[in-house]
mmCIF file of all heavy atoms, coordinates in Angstrom:
data_MODEL
# 
_entry.id   MODEL 
# 
loop_
_atom_site.group_PDB 
_atom_site.id 
_atom_site.type_symbol 
_atom_site.label_atom_id 
_atom_site.label_alt_id 
_atom_site.label_comp_id 
_atom_site.label_asym_id 
_atom_site.label_entity_id 
_atom_site.label_seq_id 
_atom_site.pdbx_PDB_ins_code 
_atom_site.Cartn_x 
_atom_site.Cartn_y 
_atom_site.Cartn_z 
_atom_site.occupancy 
_atom_site.B_iso_or_equiv 
_atom_site.pdbx_formal_charge 
_atom_site.auth_seq_id 
_atom_site.auth_comp_id 
_atom_site.auth_asym_id 
_atom_site.auth_atom_id 
_atom_site.pdbx_PDB_model_num 
ATOM 1   N N   . GLY A 1 1  ? 0.818  -1.227 -0.003  1.00 0.00 ? 1  GLY A N   1 
ATOM 2   C CA  . GLY A 1 1  ? -0.015 0.012  -0.020  1.00 0.00 ? 1  GLY A CA  1 
ATOM 3   C C   . GLY A 1 1  ? 0.833  1.278  0.020   1.00 0.00 ? 1  GLY A C   1 
ATOM 4   O O   . GLY A 1 1  ? 0.270  2.322  0.211   1.00 0.00 ? 1  GLY A O   1 
ATOM 5   N N   . ILE A 1 2  ? 2.137  1.191  -0.280  1.00 0.00 ? 2  ILE A N   1 
ATOM 6   C CA  . ILE A 1 2  ? 2.996  2.327  -0.205  1.00 0.00 ? 2  ILE A CA  1 
ATOM 7   C C   . ILE A 1 2  ? 2.678  3.239  -1.341  1.00 0.00 ? 2  ILE A C   1 
ATOM 8   O O   . ILE A 1 2  ? 2.758  4.504  -1.201  1.00 0.00 ? 2  ILE A O   1 
ATOM 9   C CB  . ILE A 1 2  ? 4.462  1.807  -0.106  1.00 0.00 ? 2  ILE A CB  1 
ATOM 10  C CG1 . ILE A 1 2  ? 4.694  1.149  1.253   1.00 0.00 ? 2  ILE A CG1 1 
ATOM 11  C CG2 . ILE A 1 2  ? 5.418  3.050  -0.325  1.00 0.00 ? 2  ILE A CG2 1 
ATOM 12  C CD1 . ILE A 1 2  ? 5.922  0.386  1.314   1.00 0.00 ? 2  ILE A CD1 1 
ATOM 13  N N   . GLY A 1 3  ? 2.470  2.745  -2.568  1.00 0.00 ? 3  GLY A N   1 
ATOM 14  C CA  . GLY A 1 3  ? 2.135  3.518  -3.713  1.00 0.00 ? 3  GLY A CA  1 
ATOM 15  C C   . GLY A 1 3  ? 0.920  4.362  -3.442  1.00 0.00 ? 3  GLY A C   1 
ATOM 16  O O   . GLY A 1 3  ? 0.885  5.614  -3.720  1.00 0.00 ? 3  GLY A O   1 
ATOM 17  N N   . LYS A 1 4  ? -0.106 3.852  -2.828  1.00 0.00 ? 4  LYS A N   1 
ATOM 18  C CA  . LYS A 1 4  ? -1.310 4.590  -2.497  1.00 0.00 ? 4  LYS A CA  1 
ATOM 19  C C   . LYS A 1 4  ? -0.979 5.629  -1.517  1.00 0.00 ? 4  LYS A C   1 
ATOM 20  O O   . LYS A 1 4  ? -1.477 6.829  -1.522  1.00 0.00 ? 4  LYS A O   1 
ATOM 21  C CB  . LYS A 1 4  ? -2.444 3.685  -2.008  1.00 0.00 ? 4  LYS A CB  1 
ATOM 22  C CG  . LYS A 1 4  ? -3.664 4.422  -1.678  1.00 0.00 ? 4  LYS A CG  1 
ATOM 23  C CD  . LYS A 1 4  ? -4.801 3.516  -1.184  1.00 0.00 ? 4  LYS A CD  1 
ATOM 24  C CE  . LYS A 1 4  ? -6.073 4.185  -1.002  1.00 0.00 ? 4  LYS A CE  1 
ATOM 25  N NZ  . LYS A 1 4  ? -6.077 5.507  -0.340  1.00 0.00 ? 4  LYS A NZ  1 
ATOM 26  N N   . ALA A 1 5  ? -0.149 5.323  -0.475  1.00 0.00 ? 5  ALA A N   1 
ATOM 27  C CA  . ALA A 1 5  ? 0.202  6.290  0.574   1.00 0.00 ? 5  ALA A CA  1 
ATOM 28  C C   . ALA A 1 5  ? 0.943  7.512  -0.065  1.00 0.00 ? 5  ALA A C   1 
ATOM 29  O O   . ALA A 1 5  ? 0.735  8.624  0.305   1.00 0.00 ? 5  ALA A O   1 
ATOM 30  C CB  . ALA A 1 5  ? 1.099  5.660  1.643   1.00 0.00 ? 5  ALA A CB  1 
ATOM 31  N N   . ILE A 1 6  ? 1.881  7.210  -1.056  1.00 0.00 ? 6  ILE A N   1 
ATOM 32  C CA  . ILE A 1 6  ? 2.586  8.311  -1.762  1.00 0.00 ? 6  ILE A CA  1 
ATOM 33  C C   . ILE A 1 6  ? 1.497  9.135  -2.485  1.00 0.00 ? 6  ILE A C   1 
ATOM 34  O O   . ILE A 1 6  ? 1.616  10.398 -2.353  1.00 0.00 ? 6  ILE A O   1 
ATOM 35  C CB  . ILE A 1 6  ? 3.547  7.694  -2.739  1.00 0.00 ? 6  ILE A CB  1 
ATOM 36  C CG1 . ILE A 1 6  ? 4.671  6.964  -2.108  1.00 0.00 ? 6  ILE A CG1 1 
ATOM 37  C CG2 . ILE A 1 6  ? 4.134  8.800  -3.727  1.00 0.00 ? 6  ILE A CG2 1 
ATOM 38  C CD1 . ILE A 1 6  ? 5.522  6.092  -2.964  1.00 0.00 ? 6  ILE A CD1 1 
ATOM 39  N N   . MET A 1 7  ? 0.655  8.549  -3.208  1.00 0.00 ? 7  MET A N   1 
ATOM 40  C CA  . MET A 1 7  ? -0.316 9.340  -4.024  1.00 0.00 ? 7  MET A CA  1 
ATOM 41  C C   . MET A 1 7  ? -1.243 10.170 -3.103  1.00 0.00 ? 7  MET A C   1 
ATOM 42  O O   . MET A 1 7  ? -1.551 11.305 -3.411  1.00 0.00 ? 7  MET A O   1 
ATOM 43  C CB  . MET A 1 7  ? -1.154 8.371  -4.868  1.00 0.00 ? 7  MET A CB  1 
ATOM 44  C CG  . MET A 1 7  ? -0.372 7.689  -5.971  1.00 0.00 ? 7  MET A CG  1 
ATOM 45  S SD  . MET A 1 7  ? 0.329  8.869  -7.144  1.00 0.00 ? 7  MET A SD  1 
ATOM 46  C CE  . MET A 1 7  ? -1.212 9.380  -8.001  1.00 0.00 ? 7  MET A CE  1 
ATOM 47  N N   . ASP A 1 8  ? -1.740 9.551  -2.001  1.00 0.00 ? 8  ASP A N   1 
ATOM 48  C CA  . ASP A 1 8  ? -2.569 10.291 -1.050  1.00 0.00 ? 8  ASP A CA  1 
ATOM 49  C C   . ASP A 1 8  ? -1.845 11.542 -0.552  1.00 0.00 ? 8  ASP A C   1 
ATOM 50  O O   . ASP A 1 8  ? -2.449 12.669 -0.536  1.00 0.00 ? 8  ASP A O   1 
ATOM 51  C CB  . ASP A 1 8  ? -3.033 9.382  0.098   1.00 0.00 ? 8  ASP A CB  1 
ATOM 52  C CG  . ASP A 1 8  ? -4.025 8.347  -0.353  1.00 0.00 ? 8  ASP A CG  1 
ATOM 53  O OD1 . ASP A 1 8  ? -4.584 8.383  -1.455  1.00 0.00 ? 8  ASP A OD1 1 
ATOM 54  O OD2 . ASP A 1 8  ? -4.284 7.432  0.499   1.00 0.00 ? 8  ASP A OD2 1 
ATOM 55  N N   . ARG A 1 9  ? -0.609 11.378 -0.158  1.00 0.00 ? 9  ARG A N   1 
ATOM 56  C CA  . ARG A 1 9  ? 0.149  12.488 0.436   1.00 0.00 ? 9  ARG A CA  1 
ATOM 57  C C   . ARG A 1 9  ? 0.378  13.532 -0.655  1.00 0.00 ? 9  ARG A C   1 
ATOM 58  O O   . ARG A 1 9  ? 0.291  14.726 -0.406  1.00 0.00 ? 9  ARG A O   1 
ATOM 59  C CB  . ARG A 1 9  ? 1.439  11.995 1.049   1.00 0.00 ? 9  ARG A CB  1 
ATOM 60  C CG  . ARG A 1 9  ? 2.163  13.089 1.847   1.00 0.00 ? 9  ARG A CG  1 
ATOM 61  C CD  . ARG A 1 9  ? 1.341  13.298 3.180   1.00 0.00 ? 9  ARG A CD  1 
ATOM 62  N NE  . ARG A 1 9  ? 2.141  14.218 4.037   1.00 0.00 ? 9  ARG A NE  1 
ATOM 63  C CZ  . ARG A 1 9  ? 1.721  15.501 4.241   1.00 0.00 ? 9  ARG A CZ  1 
ATOM 64  N NH1 . ARG A 1 9  ? 0.632  15.961 3.775   1.00 0.00 ? 9  ARG A NH1 1 
ATOM 65  N NH2 . ARG A 1 9  ? 2.507  16.206 5.028   1.00 0.00 ? 9  ARG A NH2 1 
ATOM 66  N N   . LEU A 1 10 ? 0.815  13.107 -1.848  1.00 0.00 ? 10 LEU A N   1 
ATOM 67  C CA  . LEU A 1 10 ? 1.042  14.096 -2.977  1.00 0.00 ? 10 LEU A CA  1 
ATOM 68  C C   . LEU A 1 10 ? -0.220 14.887 -3.288  1.00 0.00 ? 10 LEU A C   1 
ATOM 69  O O   . LEU A 1 10 ? -0.185 16.085 -3.497  1.00 0.00 ? 10 LEU A O   1 
ATOM 70  C CB  . LEU A 1 10 ? 1.548  13.348 -4.184  1.00 0.00 ? 10 LEU A CB  1 
ATOM 71  C CG  . LEU A 1 10 ? 2.931  12.819 -4.109  1.00 0.00 ? 10 LEU A CG  1 
ATOM 72  C CD1 . LEU A 1 10 ? 3.255  11.993 -5.378  1.00 0.00 ? 10 LEU A CD1 1 
ATOM 73  C CD2 . LEU A 1 10 ? 4.048  13.898 -3.937  1.00 0.00 ? 10 LEU A CD2 1 
ATOM 74  N N   . GLU A 1 11 ? -1.357 14.211 -3.299  1.00 0.00 ? 11 GLU A N   1 
ATOM 75  C CA  . GLU A 1 11 ? -2.602 14.893 -3.579  1.00 0.00 ? 11 GLU A CA  1 
ATOM 76  C C   . GLU A 1 11 ? -2.997 15.844 -2.455  1.00 0.00 ? 11 GLU A C   1 
ATOM 77  O O   . GLU A 1 11 ? -3.447 16.966 -2.738  1.00 0.00 ? 11 GLU A O   1 
ATOM 78  C CB  . GLU A 1 11 ? -3.780 13.872 -3.828  1.00 0.00 ? 11 GLU A CB  1 
ATOM 79  C CG  . GLU A 1 11 ? -3.563 13.131 -5.154  1.00 0.00 ? 11 GLU A CG  1 
ATOM 80  C CD  . GLU A 1 11 ? -4.685 12.111 -5.355  1.00 0.00 ? 11 GLU A CD  1 
ATOM 81  O OE1 . GLU A 1 11 ? -5.591 11.954 -4.549  1.00 0.00 ? 11 GLU A OE1 1 
ATOM 82  O OE2 . GLU A 1 11 ? -4.598 11.443 -6.440  1.00 0.00 ? 11 GLU A OE2 1 
ATOM 83  N N   . GLN A 1 12 ? -2.688 15.445 -1.212  1.00 0.00 ? 12 GLN A N   1 
ATOM 84  C CA  . GLN A 1 12 ? -2.959 16.398 -0.063  1.00 0.00 ? 12 GLN A CA  1 
ATOM 85  C C   . GLN A 1 12 ? -2.125 17.642 -0.267  1.00 0.00 ? 12 GLN A C   1 
ATOM 86  O O   . GLN A 1 12 ? -2.620 18.797 -0.018  1.00 0.00 ? 12 GLN A O   1 
ATOM 87  C CB  . GLN A 1 12 ? -2.570 15.780 1.297   1.00 0.00 ? 12 GLN A CB  1 
ATOM 88  C CG  . GLN A 1 12 ? -3.523 14.707 1.736   1.00 0.00 ? 12 GLN A CG  1 
ATOM 89  C CD  . GLN A 1 12 ? -2.966 13.939 2.966   1.00 0.00 ? 12 GLN A CD  1 
ATOM 90  O OE1 . GLN A 1 12 ? -1.863 14.237 3.389   1.00 0.00 ? 12 GLN A OE1 1 
ATOM 91  N NE2 . GLN A 1 12 ? -3.741 12.983 3.488   1.00 0.00 ? 12 GLN A NE2 1 
ATOM 92  N N   . LEU A 1 13 ? -0.852 17.522 -0.520  1.00 0.00 ? 13 LEU A N   1 
ATOM 93  C CA  . LEU A 1 13 ? 0.038  18.656 -0.687  1.00 0.00 ? 13 LEU A CA  1 
ATOM 94  C C   . LEU A 1 13 ? -0.395 19.495 -1.915  1.00 0.00 ? 13 LEU A C   1 
ATOM 95  O O   . LEU A 1 13 ? -0.311 20.739 -1.802  1.00 0.00 ? 13 LEU A O   1 
ATOM 96  C CB  . LEU A 1 13 ? 1.489  18.143 -0.887  1.00 0.00 ? 13 LEU A CB  1 
ATOM 97  C CG  . LEU A 1 13 ? 2.133  17.460 0.286   1.00 0.00 ? 13 LEU A CG  1 
ATOM 98  C CD1 . LEU A 1 13 ? 3.484  16.896 -0.081  1.00 0.00 ? 13 LEU A CD1 1 
ATOM 99  C CD2 . LEU A 1 13 ? 2.244  18.349 1.508   1.00 0.00 ? 13 LEU A CD2 1 
ATOM 100 N N   . ALA A 1 14 ? -0.833 18.861 -2.949  1.00 0.00 ? 14 ALA A N   1 
ATOM 101 C CA  . ALA A 1 14 ? -1.276 19.642 -4.120  1.00 0.00 ? 14 ALA A CA  1 
ATOM 102 C C   . ALA A 1 14 ? -2.557 20.514 -3.766  1.00 0.00 ? 14 ALA A C   1 
ATOM 103 O O   . ALA A 1 14 ? -2.545 21.638 -4.140  1.00 0.00 ? 14 ALA A O   1 
ATOM 104 C CB  . ALA A 1 14 ? -1.668 18.616 -5.290  1.00 0.00 ? 14 ALA A CB  1 
ATOM 105 N N   . LYS A 1 15 ? -3.469 19.865 -3.061  1.00 0.00 ? 15 LYS A N   1 
ATOM 106 C CA  . LYS A 1 15 ? -4.625 20.653 -2.672  1.00 0.00 ? 15 LYS A CA  1 
ATOM 107 C C   . LYS A 1 15 ? -4.242 21.776 -1.739  1.00 0.00 ? 15 LYS A C   1 
ATOM 108 O O   . LYS A 1 15 ? -4.724 22.905 -1.861  1.00 0.00 ? 15 LYS A O   1 
ATOM 109 C CB  . LYS A 1 15 ? -5.661 19.782 -1.957  1.00 0.00 ? 15 LYS A CB  1 
ATOM 110 C CG  . LYS A 1 15 ? -6.415 18.803 -2.934  1.00 0.00 ? 15 LYS A CG  1 
ATOM 111 C CD  . LYS A 1 15 ? -7.474 18.050 -2.115  1.00 0.00 ? 15 LYS A CD  1 
ATOM 112 C CE  . LYS A 1 15 ? -7.545 16.657 -2.656  1.00 0.00 ? 15 LYS A CE  1 
ATOM 113 N NZ  . LYS A 1 15 ? -8.497 15.883 -1.909  1.00 0.00 ? 15 LYS A NZ  1 
ATOM 114 N N   . ARG A 1 16 ? -3.380 21.516 -0.779  1.00 0.00 ? 16 ARG A N   1 
ATOM 115 C CA  . ARG A 1 16 ? -2.861 22.489 0.144   1.00 0.00 ? 16 ARG A CA  1 
ATOM 116 C C   . ARG A 1 16 ? -2.335 23.715 -0.687  1.00 0.00 ? 16 ARG A C   1 
ATOM 117 O O   . ARG A 1 16 ? -2.451 24.857 -0.288  1.00 0.00 ? 16 ARG A O   1 
ATOM 118 C CB  . ARG A 1 16 ? -1.834 21.969 1.043   1.00 0.00 ? 16 ARG A CB  1 
ATOM 119 C CG  . ARG A 1 16 ? -1.121 22.969 1.987   1.00 0.00 ? 16 ARG A CG  1 
ATOM 120 C CD  . ARG A 1 16 ? 0.202  22.510 2.544   1.00 0.00 ? 16 ARG A CD  1 
ATOM 121 N NE  . ARG A 1 16 ? 1.219  22.506 1.494   1.00 0.00 ? 16 ARG A NE  1 
ATOM 122 C CZ  . ARG A 1 16 ? 2.449  21.944 1.632   1.00 0.00 ? 16 ARG A CZ  1 
ATOM 123 N NH1 . ARG A 1 16 ? 2.785  21.361 2.736   1.00 0.00 ? 16 ARG A NH1 1 
ATOM 124 N NH2 . ARG A 1 16 ? 3.288  22.067 0.642   1.00 0.00 ? 16 ARG A NH2 1 
ATOM 125 N N   . ASP A 1 17 ? -1.593 23.393 -1.747  1.00 0.00 ? 17 ASP A N   1 
ATOM 126 C CA  . ASP A 1 17 ? -0.934 24.434 -2.475  1.00 0.00 ? 17 ASP A CA  1 
ATOM 127 C C   . ASP A 1 17 ? -1.824 25.007 -3.651  1.00 0.00 ? 17 ASP A C   1 
ATOM 128 O O   . ASP A 1 17 ? -1.354 25.733 -4.532  1.00 0.00 ? 17 ASP A O   1 
ATOM 129 C CB  . ASP A 1 17 ? 0.370  23.911 -3.124  1.00 0.00 ? 17 ASP A CB  1 
ATOM 130 C CG  . ASP A 1 17 ? 1.365  23.566 -1.989  1.00 0.00 ? 17 ASP A CG  1 
ATOM 131 O OD1 . ASP A 1 17 ? 1.292  24.159 -0.832  1.00 0.00 ? 17 ASP A OD1 1 
ATOM 132 O OD2 . ASP A 1 17 ? 2.274  22.833 -2.276  1.00 0.00 ? 17 ASP A OD2 1 
ATOM 133 N N   . GLY A 1 18 ? -3.146 24.696 -3.580  1.00 0.00 ? 18 GLY A N   1 
ATOM 134 C CA  . GLY A 1 18 ? -4.147 25.343 -4.496  1.00 0.00 ? 18 GLY A CA  1 
ATOM 135 C C   . GLY A 1 18 ? -4.483 24.626 -5.778  1.00 0.00 ? 18 GLY A C   1 
ATOM 136 O O   . GLY A 1 18 ? -5.229 25.155 -6.605  1.00 0.00 ? 18 GLY A O   1 
ATOM 137 N N   . ALA A 1 19 ? -4.042 23.389 -5.953  1.00 0.00 ? 19 ALA A N   1 
ATOM 138 C CA  . ALA A 1 19 ? -4.307 22.706 -7.178  1.00 0.00 ? 19 ALA A CA  1 
ATOM 139 C C   . ALA A 1 19 ? -5.797 22.188 -7.104  1.00 0.00 ? 19 ALA A C   1 
ATOM 140 O O   . ALA A 1 19 ? -6.328 21.766 -6.053  1.00 0.00 ? 19 ALA A O   1 
ATOM 141 C CB  . ALA A 1 19 ? -3.443 21.469 -7.346  1.00 0.00 ? 19 ALA A CB  1 
ATOM 142 N N   . THR A 1 20 ? -6.448 22.217 -8.241  1.00 0.00 ? 20 THR A N   1 
ATOM 143 C CA  . THR A 1 20 ? -7.813 21.710 -8.412  1.00 0.00 ? 20 THR A CA  1 
ATOM 144 C C   . THR A 1 20 ? -7.914 20.399 -9.224  1.00 0.00 ? 20 THR A C   1 
ATOM 145 O O   . THR A 1 20 ? -8.878 19.764 -9.229  1.00 0.00 ? 20 THR A O   1 
ATOM 146 C CB  . THR A 1 20 ? -8.724 22.790 -9.032  1.00 0.00 ? 20 THR A CB  1 
ATOM 147 O OG1 . THR A 1 20 ? -8.160 23.207 -10.288 1.00 0.00 ? 20 THR A OG1 1 
ATOM 148 C CG2 . THR A 1 20 ? -8.818 23.995 -8.159  1.00 0.00 ? 20 THR A CG2 1 
ATOM 149 N N   . ASN A 1 21 ? -6.828 20.109 -9.955  1.00 0.00 ? 21 ASN A N   1 
ATOM 150 C CA  . ASN A 1 21 ? -6.754 18.847 -10.682 1.00 0.00 ? 21 ASN A CA  1 
ATOM 151 C C   . ASN A 1 21 ? -5.320 18.399 -10.737 1.00 0.00 ? 21 ASN A C   1 
ATOM 152 O O   . ASN A 1 21 ? -4.397 19.141 -10.403 1.00 0.00 ? 21 ASN A O   1 
ATOM 153 C CB  . ASN A 1 21 ? -7.418 18.989 -12.049 1.00 0.00 ? 21 ASN A CB  1 
ATOM 154 C CG  . ASN A 1 21 ? -6.857 20.150 -12.831 1.00 0.00 ? 21 ASN A CG  1 
ATOM 155 O OD1 . ASN A 1 21 ? -5.675 20.145 -13.225 1.00 0.00 ? 21 ASN A OD1 1 
ATOM 156 N ND2 . ASN A 1 21 ? -7.718 21.155 -13.054 1.00 0.00 ? 21 ASN A ND2 1 
ATOM 157 N N   . ALA A 1 22 ? -5.156 17.100 -11.140 1.00 0.00 ? 22 ALA A N   1 
ATOM 158 C CA  . ALA A 1 22 ? -3.858 16.468 -11.140 1.00 0.00 ? 22 ALA A CA  1 
ATOM 159 C C   . ALA A 1 22 ? -3.634 15.839 -12.430 1.00 0.00 ? 22 ALA A C   1 
ATOM 160 O O   . ALA A 1 22 ? -4.572 15.331 -13.060 1.00 0.00 ? 22 ALA A O   1 
ATOM 161 C CB  . ALA A 1 22 ? -3.722 15.586 -10.011 1.00 0.00 ? 22 ALA A CB  1 
ATOM 162 N N   . LYS A 1 23 ? -2.369 15.713 -12.858 1.00 0.00 ? 23 LYS A N   1 
ATOM 163 C CA  . LYS A 1 23 ? -2.040 14.908 -13.981 1.00 0.00 ? 23 LYS A CA  1 
ATOM 164 C C   . LYS A 1 23 ? -0.679 14.191 -13.730 1.00 0.00 ? 23 LYS A C   1 
ATOM 165 O O   . LYS A 1 23 ? 0.041  14.641 -12.819 1.00 0.00 ? 23 LYS A O   1 
ATOM 166 C CB  . LYS A 1 23 ? -1.877 15.782 -15.267 1.00 0.00 ? 23 LYS A CB  1 
ATOM 167 C CG  . LYS A 1 23 ? -0.689 16.747 -15.262 1.00 0.00 ? 23 LYS A CG  1 
ATOM 168 C CD  . LYS A 1 23 ? -0.652 17.544 -16.557 1.00 0.00 ? 23 LYS A CD  1 
ATOM 169 C CE  . LYS A 1 23 ? 0.480  18.415 -16.630 1.00 0.00 ? 23 LYS A CE  1 
ATOM 170 N NZ  . LYS A 1 23 ? 0.521  19.143 -17.877 1.00 0.00 ? 23 LYS A NZ  1 
ATOM 171 N N   . LEU A 1 24 ? -0.487 13.135 -14.455 1.00 0.00 ? 24 LEU A N   1 
ATOM 172 C CA  . LEU A 1 24 ? 0.802  12.405 -14.384 1.00 0.00 ? 24 LEU A CA  1 
ATOM 173 C C   . LEU A 1 24 ? 1.007  11.627 -15.606 1.00 0.00 ? 24 LEU A C   1 
ATOM 174 O O   . LEU A 1 24 ? 0.123  11.323 -16.350 1.00 0.00 ? 24 LEU A O   1 
ATOM 175 C CB  . LEU A 1 24 ? 0.773  11.458 -13.124 1.00 0.00 ? 24 LEU A CB  1 
ATOM 176 C CG  . LEU A 1 24 ? -0.268 10.420 -13.045 1.00 0.00 ? 24 LEU A CG  1 
ATOM 177 C CD1 . LEU A 1 24 ? 0.102  9.154  -13.741 1.00 0.00 ? 24 LEU A CD1 1 
ATOM 178 C CD2 . LEU A 1 24 ? -0.575 10.166 -11.501 1.00 0.00 ? 24 LEU A CD2 1 
ATOM 179 N N   . HIS A 1 25 ? 2.219  11.271 -15.835 1.00 0.00 ? 25 HIS A N   1 
ATOM 180 C CA  . HIS A 1 25 ? 2.626  10.420 -16.929 1.00 0.00 ? 25 HIS A CA  1 
ATOM 181 C C   . HIS A 1 25 ? 2.891  9.012  -16.311 1.00 0.00 ? 25 HIS A C   1 
ATOM 182 O O   . HIS A 1 25 ? 3.872  8.824  -15.639 1.00 0.00 ? 25 HIS A O   1 
ATOM 183 C CB  . HIS A 1 25 ? 3.912  10.845 -17.626 1.00 0.00 ? 25 HIS A CB  1 
ATOM 184 C CG  . HIS A 1 25 ? 3.720  12.129 -18.426 1.00 0.00 ? 25 HIS A CG  1 
ATOM 185 N ND1 . HIS A 1 25 ? 4.820  12.769 -19.064 1.00 0.00 ? 25 HIS A ND1 1 
ATOM 186 C CD2 . HIS A 1 25 ? 2.615  12.852 -18.681 1.00 0.00 ? 25 HIS A CD2 1 
ATOM 187 C CE1 . HIS A 1 25 ? 4.331  13.842 -19.654 1.00 0.00 ? 25 HIS A CE1 1 
ATOM 188 N NE2 . HIS A 1 25 ? 3.042  13.978 -19.410 1.00 0.00 ? 25 HIS A NE2 1 
ATOM 189 N N   . GLY A 1 26 ? 1.903  8.139  -16.411 1.00 0.00 ? 26 GLY A N   1 
ATOM 190 C CA  . GLY A 1 26 ? 1.938  6.854  -15.735 1.00 0.00 ? 26 GLY A CA  1 
ATOM 191 C C   . GLY A 1 26 ? 2.546  5.758  -16.676 1.00 0.00 ? 26 GLY A C   1 
ATOM 192 O O   . GLY A 1 26 ? 2.091  5.755  -17.893 1.00 0.00 ? 26 GLY A O   1 
# 
């Protein structure tokens, strides 16, 4: 579940910093 933990934390930080959407090259 480490990948999910990374993603959850990155999304939290993104929202904190004002992001309304996310993108990635998967």
